[in-house]
Amino acid sequence: MSLNTTVGRARERAAGYWIARSEKERRYLAAGFGVVLLALVYTGLIEPAVEGRARLQRSLPELRQQAAQLAGMADQARALAGQTPAPVTPMTRESLMASLSARGITPGSLTLTGEFARMQVTGVSFANLVSWLDAQRRENRIAVQEGSFTAQDPVGQVDANLTLRQDNGTAPR
């Protein structure tokens, strides 16, 4: 059975049903079909568009405020990009030793070669060492170039070999 014959039969049955109705019933059925069709068009097409528009109207002031904040932040970023970074004190053996001793860390060896510092520590608290490295990164722009950590028997204690490098702000961003 093909689609055309199925559609044809359904059409014949609908035509027969329609012809069997009186003129008054046909008007009622047509009006009811029209109302159902209008309700479907409204709920499927018009109502979502109206609701979406209202939702966008409600969120528009907040979006404008966010756009203004972003524009201000972009202006601030452009202004900061044009400034030269604040100079930091150069990394010296004395400054490293002073900051290490302030944290209670005693390095086994500490050597400076050009812009690099090589440091070995034994039996130090890992958390204390990491917090010292974080403070050096924030305050003096000193970063770990290379590092190796070996866990020790008391939990949280490590031996570490670190190579540190200070960013002097002359590198391209």
C-alpha atoms as a PDB file:
ATOM      1  CA  MET A   1       0.000   0.000   0.000  1.00  0.00           C
ATOM      2  CA  SER A   2       1.499   3.325  -1.030  1.00  0.00           C
ATOM      3  CA  LEU A   3       1.356   6.640   0.734  1.00  0.00           C
ATOM      4  CA  ASN A   4      -0.809   8.163  -1.998  1.00  0.00           C
ATOM      5  CA  THR A   5      -3.527   5.548  -1.590  1.00  0.00           C
ATOM      6  CA  THR A   6      -3.488   5.894   2.203  1.00  0.00           C
ATOM      7  CA  VAL A   7      -3.796   9.667   1.969  1.00  0.00           C
ATOM      8  CA  GLY A   8      -6.513   9.309  -0.658  1.00  0.00           C
ATOM      9  CA  ARG A   9      -8.572   6.994   1.560  1.00  0.00           C
ATOM     10  CA  ALA A  10      -8.214   9.332   4.555  1.00  0.00           C
ATOM     11  CA  ARG A  11      -9.326  12.242   2.378  1.00  0.00           C
ATOM     12  CA  GLU A  12     -12.376  10.291   1.175  1.00  0.00           C
ATOM     13  CA  ARG A  13     -13.364   9.416   4.764  1.00  0.00           C
ATOM     14  CA  ALA A  14     -12.961  13.045   5.863  1.00  0.00           C
ATOM     15  CA  ALA A  15     -15.027  14.250   2.888  1.00  0.00           C
ATOM     16  CA  GLY A  16     -17.702  11.695   3.712  1.00  0.00           C
ATOM     17  CA  TYR A  17     -17.748  12.811   7.354  1.00  0.00           C
ATOM     18  CA  TRP A  18     -17.979  16.457   6.275  1.00  0.00           C
ATOM     19  CA  ILE A  19     -20.820  15.839   3.811  1.00  0.00           C
ATOM     20  CA  ALA A  20     -22.764  13.890   6.454  1.00  0.00           C
ATOM     21  CA  ARG A  21     -22.903  17.018   8.666  1.00  0.00           C
ATOM     22  CA  SER A  22     -25.514  19.719   8.433  1.00  0.00           C
ATOM     23  CA  GLU A  23     -24.606  23.291   7.515  1.00  0.00           C
ATOM     24  CA  LYS A  24     -24.851  24.434  11.145  1.00  0.00           C
ATOM     25  CA  GLU A  25     -22.534  21.610  12.311  1.00  0.00           C
ATOM     26  CA  ARG A  26     -20.038  22.481   9.565  1.00  0.00           C
ATOM     27  CA  ARG A  27     -19.893  26.094  10.771  1.00  0.00           C
ATOM     28  CA  TYR A  28     -19.318  24.969  14.367  1.00  0.00           C
ATOM     29  CA  LEU A  29     -16.603  22.529  13.276  1.00  0.00           C
ATOM     30  CA  ALA A  30     -14.909  25.172  11.101  1.00  0.00           C
ATOM     31  CA  ALA A  31     -15.006  27.715  13.933  1.00  0.00           C
ATOM     32  CA  GLY A  32     -13.629  25.145  16.398  1.00  0.00           C
ATOM     33  CA  PHE A  33     -10.872  24.167  13.961  1.00  0.00           C
ATOM     34  CA  GLY A  34     -10.020  27.846  13.465  1.00  0.00           C
ATOM     35  CA  VAL A  35      -9.795  28.441  17.228  1.00  0.00           C
ATOM     36  CA  VAL A  36      -7.566  25.381  17.688  1.00  0.00           C
ATOM     37  CA  LEU A  37      -5.357  26.510  14.783  1.00  0.00           C
ATOM     38  CA  LEU A  38      -5.046  30.035  16.233  1.00  0.00           C
ATOM     39  CA  ALA A  39      -4.193  28.616  19.677  1.00  0.00           C
ATOM     40  CA  LEU A  40      -1.479  26.415  18.164  1.00  0.00           C
ATOM     41  CA  VAL A  41      -0.008  29.326  16.188  1.00  0.00           C
ATOM     42  CA  TYR A  42      -0.048  31.537  19.278  1.00  0.00           C
ATOM     43  CA  THR A  43       1.538  28.982  21.629  1.00  0.00           C
ATOM     44  CA  GLY A  44       4.049  27.790  19.055  1.00  0.00           C
ATOM     45  CA  LEU A  45       5.139  31.050  17.444  1.00  0.00           C
ATOM     46  CA  ILE A  46       3.853  34.251  19.015  1.00  0.00           C
ATOM     47  CA  GLU A  47       4.002  33.551  22.775  1.00  0.00           C
ATOM     48  CA  PRO A  48       7.665  32.365  22.817  1.00  0.00           C
ATOM     49  CA  ALA A  49       8.714  35.451  20.855  1.00  0.00           C
ATOM     50  CA  VAL A  50       6.834  37.802  23.199  1.00  0.00           C
ATOM     51  CA  GLU A  51       8.249  36.072  26.309  1.00  0.00           C
ATOM     52  CA  GLY A  52      11.778  36.111  24.891  1.00  0.00           C
ATOM     53  CA  ARG A  53      11.522  39.790  24.090  1.00  0.00           C
ATOM     54  CA  ALA A  54      10.271  40.575  27.605  1.00  0.00           C
ATOM     55  CA  ARG A  55      13.084  38.515  29.143  1.00  0.00           C
ATOM     56  CA  LEU A  56      15.652  40.380  27.046  1.00  0.00           C
ATOM     57  CA  GLN A  57      14.135  43.720  28.046  1.00  0.00           C
ATOM     58  CA  ARG A  58      14.452  42.746  31.724  1.00  0.00           C
ATOM     59  CA  SER A  59      18.098  41.689  31.354  1.00  0.00           C
ATOM     60  CA  LEU A  60      19.163  44.627  29.172  1.00  0.00           C
ATOM     61  CA  PRO A  61      20.086  47.053  32.026  1.00  0.00           C
ATOM     62  CA  GLU A  62      22.307  44.423  33.658  1.00  0.00           C
ATOM     63  CA  LEU A  63      23.970  43.636  30.336  1.00  0.00           C
ATOM     64  CA  ARG A  64      24.606  47.343  29.728  1.00  0.00           C
ATOM     65  CA  GLN A  65      26.197  47.639  33.170  1.00  0.00           C
ATOM     66  CA  GLN A  66      28.419  44.632  32.465  1.00  0.00           C
ATOM     67  CA  ALA A  67      29.423  46.122  29.105  1.00  0.00           C
ATOM     68  CA  ALA A  68      30.366  49.388  30.826  1.00  0.00           C
ATOM     69  CA  GLN A  69      32.431  47.489  33.401  1.00  0.00           C
ATOM     70  CA  LEU A  70      34.195  45.560  30.636  1.00  0.00           C
ATOM     71  CA  ALA A  71      34.943  48.782  28.773  1.00  0.00           C
ATOM     72  CA  GLY A  72      36.387  50.293  31.957  1.00  0.00           C
ATOM     73  CA  MET A  73      38.496  47.211  32.586  1.00  0.00           C
ATOM     74  CA  ALA A  74      39.735  47.276  28.978  1.00  0.00           C
ATOM     75  CA  ASP A  75      40.743  50.933  29.355  1.00  0.00           C
ATOM     76  CA  GLN A  76      42.531  50.106  32.594  1.00  0.00           C
ATOM     77  CA  ALA A  77      44.323  47.165  30.953  1.00  0.00           C
ATOM     78  CA  ARG A  78      45.452  49.390  28.063  1.00  0.00           C
ATOM     79  CA  ALA A  79      46.749  51.975  30.538  1.00  0.00           C
ATOM     80  CA  LEU A  80      48.594  49.337  32.556  1.00  0.00           C
ATOM     81  CA  ALA A  81      50.077  47.757  29.431  1.00  0.00           C
ATOM     82  CA  GLY A  82      51.734  51.058  28.577  1.00  0.00           C
ATOM     83  CA  GLN A  83      53.389  51.376  31.972  1.00  0.00           C
ATOM     84  CA  THR A  84      56.747  49.869  32.757  1.00  0.00           C
ATOM     85  CA  PRO A  85      56.671  47.295  35.532  1.00  0.00           C
ATOM     86  CA  ALA A  86      57.851  48.371  38.948  1.00  0.00           C
ATOM     87  CA  PRO A  87      61.494  47.435  39.416  1.00  0.00           C
ATOM     88  CA  VAL A  88      62.261  44.682  41.882  1.00  0.00           C
ATOM     89  CA  THR A  89      65.384  44.373  43.939  1.00  0.00           C
ATOM     90  CA  PRO A  90      67.858  42.076  42.232  1.00  0.00           C
ATOM     91  CA  MET A  91      68.186  38.563  43.586  1.00  0.00           C
ATOM     92  CA  THR A  92      71.281  38.269  45.787  1.00  0.00           C
ATOM     93  CA  ARG A  93      72.653  35.542  47.988  1.00  0.00           C
ATOM     94  CA  GLU A  94      72.073  37.706  51.057  1.00  0.00           C
ATOM     95  CA  SER A  95      68.430  38.482  50.210  1.00  0.00           C
ATOM     96  CA  LEU A  96      67.684  34.798  49.562  1.00  0.00           C
ATOM     97  CA  MET A  97      69.419  33.696  52.771  1.00  0.00           C
ATOM     98  CA  ALA A  98      67.528  36.345  54.785  1.00  0.00           C
ATOM     99  CA  SER A  99      64.128  35.314  53.412  1.00  0.00           C
ATOM    100  CA  LEU A 100      64.929  31.609  53.894  1.00  0.00           C
ATOM    101  CA  SER A 101      66.028  32.116  57.492  1.00  0.00           C
ATOM    102  CA  ALA A 102      62.877  34.173  58.160  1.00  0.00           C
ATOM    103  CA  ARG A 103      60.894  31.038  57.220  1.00  0.00           C
ATOM    104  CA  GLY A 104      63.163  28.766  59.241  1.00  0.00           C
ATOM    105  CA  ILE A 105      64.685  27.114  56.155  1.00  0.00           C
ATOM    106  CA  THR A 106      68.415  26.452  56.125  1.00  0.00           C
ATOM    107  CA  PRO A 107      69.775  25.641  52.664  1.00  0.00           C
ATOM    108  CA  GLY A 108      72.503  23.019  52.320  1.00  0.00           C
ATOM    109  CA  SER A 109      73.975  25.029  49.467  1.00  0.00           C
ATOM    110  CA  LEU A 110      73.073  28.222  47.646  1.00  0.00           C
ATOM    111  CA  THR A 111      74.989  29.428  44.599  1.00  0.00           C
ATOM    112  CA  LEU A 112      74.223  32.308  42.255  1.00  0.00           C
ATOM    113  CA  THR A 113      75.314  32.237  38.628  1.00  0.00           C
ATOM    114  CA  GLY A 114      74.197  35.200  36.541  1.00  0.00           C
ATOM    115  CA  GLU A 115      70.410  35.376  36.732  1.00  0.00           C
ATOM    116  CA  PHE A 116      70.068  31.860  38.166  1.00  0.00           C
ATOM    117  CA  ALA A 117      70.309  30.599  41.739  1.00  0.00           C
ATOM    118  CA  ARG A 118      70.820  26.921  42.552  1.00  0.00           C
ATOM    119  CA  MET A 119      69.668  25.798  45.980  1.00  0.00           C
ATOM    120  CA  GLN A 120      69.631  22.499  47.875  1.00  0.00           C
ATOM    121  CA  VAL A 121      67.634  21.973  51.054  1.00  0.00           C
ATOM    122  CA  THR A 122      67.268  18.836  53.150  1.00  0.00           C
ATOM    123  CA  GLY A 123      64.646  17.828  55.688  1.00  0.00           C
ATOM    124  CA  VAL A 124      62.448  20.875  55.195  1.00  0.00           C
ATOM    125  CA  SER A 125      58.658  21.097  55.466  1.00  0.00           C
ATOM    126  CA  PHE A 126      57.155  20.897  51.976  1.00  0.00           C
ATOM    127  CA  ALA A 127      54.350  23.329  52.868  1.00  0.00           C
ATOM    128  CA  ASN A 128      56.843  25.837  54.281  1.00  0.00           C
ATOM    129  CA  LEU A 129      59.057  25.572  51.179  1.00  0.00           C
ATOM    130  CA  VAL A 130      56.118  26.016  48.804  1.00  0.00           C
ATOM    131  CA  SER A 131      54.828  29.044  50.731  1.00  0.00           C
ATOM    132  CA  TRP A 132      58.339  30.573  50.590  1.00  0.00           C
ATOM    133  CA  LEU A 133      58.473  29.948  46.820  1.00  0.00           C
ATOM    134  CA  ASP A 134      55.032  31.537  46.406  1.00  0.00           C
ATOM    135  CA  ALA A 135      56.096  34.602  48.403  1.00  0.00           C
ATOM    136  CA  GLN A 136      59.238  34.934  46.276  1.00  0.00           C
ATOM    137  CA  ARG A 137      57.164  34.670  43.103  1.00  0.00           C
ATOM    138  CA  ARG A 138      54.758  37.403  44.226  1.00  0.00           C
ATOM    139  CA  GLU A 139      57.205  39.790  45.891  1.00  0.00           C
ATOM    140  CA  ASN A 140      60.422  39.412  43.879  1.00  0.00           C
ATOM    141  CA  ARG A 141      59.303  37.770  40.603  1.00  0.00           C
ATOM    142  CA  ILE A 142      61.459  34.745  41.348  1.00  0.00           C
ATOM    143  CA  ALA A 143      60.238  31.578  39.661  1.00  0.00           C
ATOM    144  CA  VAL A 144      61.320  27.962  39.852  1.00  0.00           C
ATOM    145  CA  GLN A 145      63.091  27.148  36.605  1.00  0.00           C
ATOM    146  CA  GLU A 146      63.763  23.545  37.565  1.00  0.00           C
ATOM    147  CA  GLY A 147      62.990  21.592  40.692  1.00  0.00           C
ATOM    148  CA  SER A 148      63.131  18.097  42.099  1.00  0.00           C
ATOM    149  CA  PHE A 149      61.635  16.985  45.388  1.00  0.00           C
ATOM    150  CA  THR A 150      62.271  13.769  47.308  1.00  0.00           C
ATOM    151  CA  ALA A 151      59.881  12.790  50.097  1.00  0.00           C
ATOM    152  CA  GLN A 152      61.448  11.940  53.444  1.00  0.00           C
ATOM    153  CA  ASP A 153      60.341   9.597  56.224  1.00  0.00           C
ATOM    154  CA  PRO A 154      58.505  12.090  58.443  1.00  0.00           C
ATOM    155  CA  VAL A 155      55.375  12.887  56.449  1.00  0.00           C
ATOM    156  CA  GLY A 156      55.548  16.369  54.895  1.00  0.00           C
ATOM    157  CA  GLN A 157      59.356  16.597  54.936  1.00  0.00           C
ATOM    158  CA  VAL A 158      61.309  16.781  51.659  1.00  0.00           C
ATOM    159  CA  ASP A 159      64.749  17.174  50.199  1.00  0.00           C
ATOM    160  CA  ALA A 160      64.728  19.613  47.267  1.00  0.00           C
ATOM    161  CA  ASN A 161      67.064  20.764  44.514  1.00  0.00           C
ATOM    162  CA  LEU A 162      65.839  24.019  42.964  1.00  0.00           C
ATOM    163  CA  THR A 163      66.998  26.309  40.197  1.00  0.00           C
ATOM    164  CA  LEU A 164      65.489  29.779  40.566  1.00  0.00           C
ATOM    165  CA  ARG A 165      65.344  32.624  38.050  1.00  0.00           C
ATOM    166  CA  GLN A 166      64.269  36.224  38.574  1.00  0.00           C
ATOM    167  CA  ASP A 167      62.179  37.994  35.929  1.00  0.00           C
ATOM    168  CA  ASN A 168      63.605  41.487  35.687  1.00  0.00           C
ATOM    169  CA  GLY A 169      60.737  42.772  33.546  1.00  0.00           C
ATOM    170  CA  THR A 170      62.709  43.229  30.322  1.00  0.00           C
ATOM    171  CA  ALA A 171      61.344  40.124  28.613  1.00  0.00           C
ATOM    172  CA  PRO A 172      58.615  40.682  25.993  1.00  0.00           C
ATOM    173  CA  ARG A 173      55.073  40.102  27.240  1.00  0.00           C
END
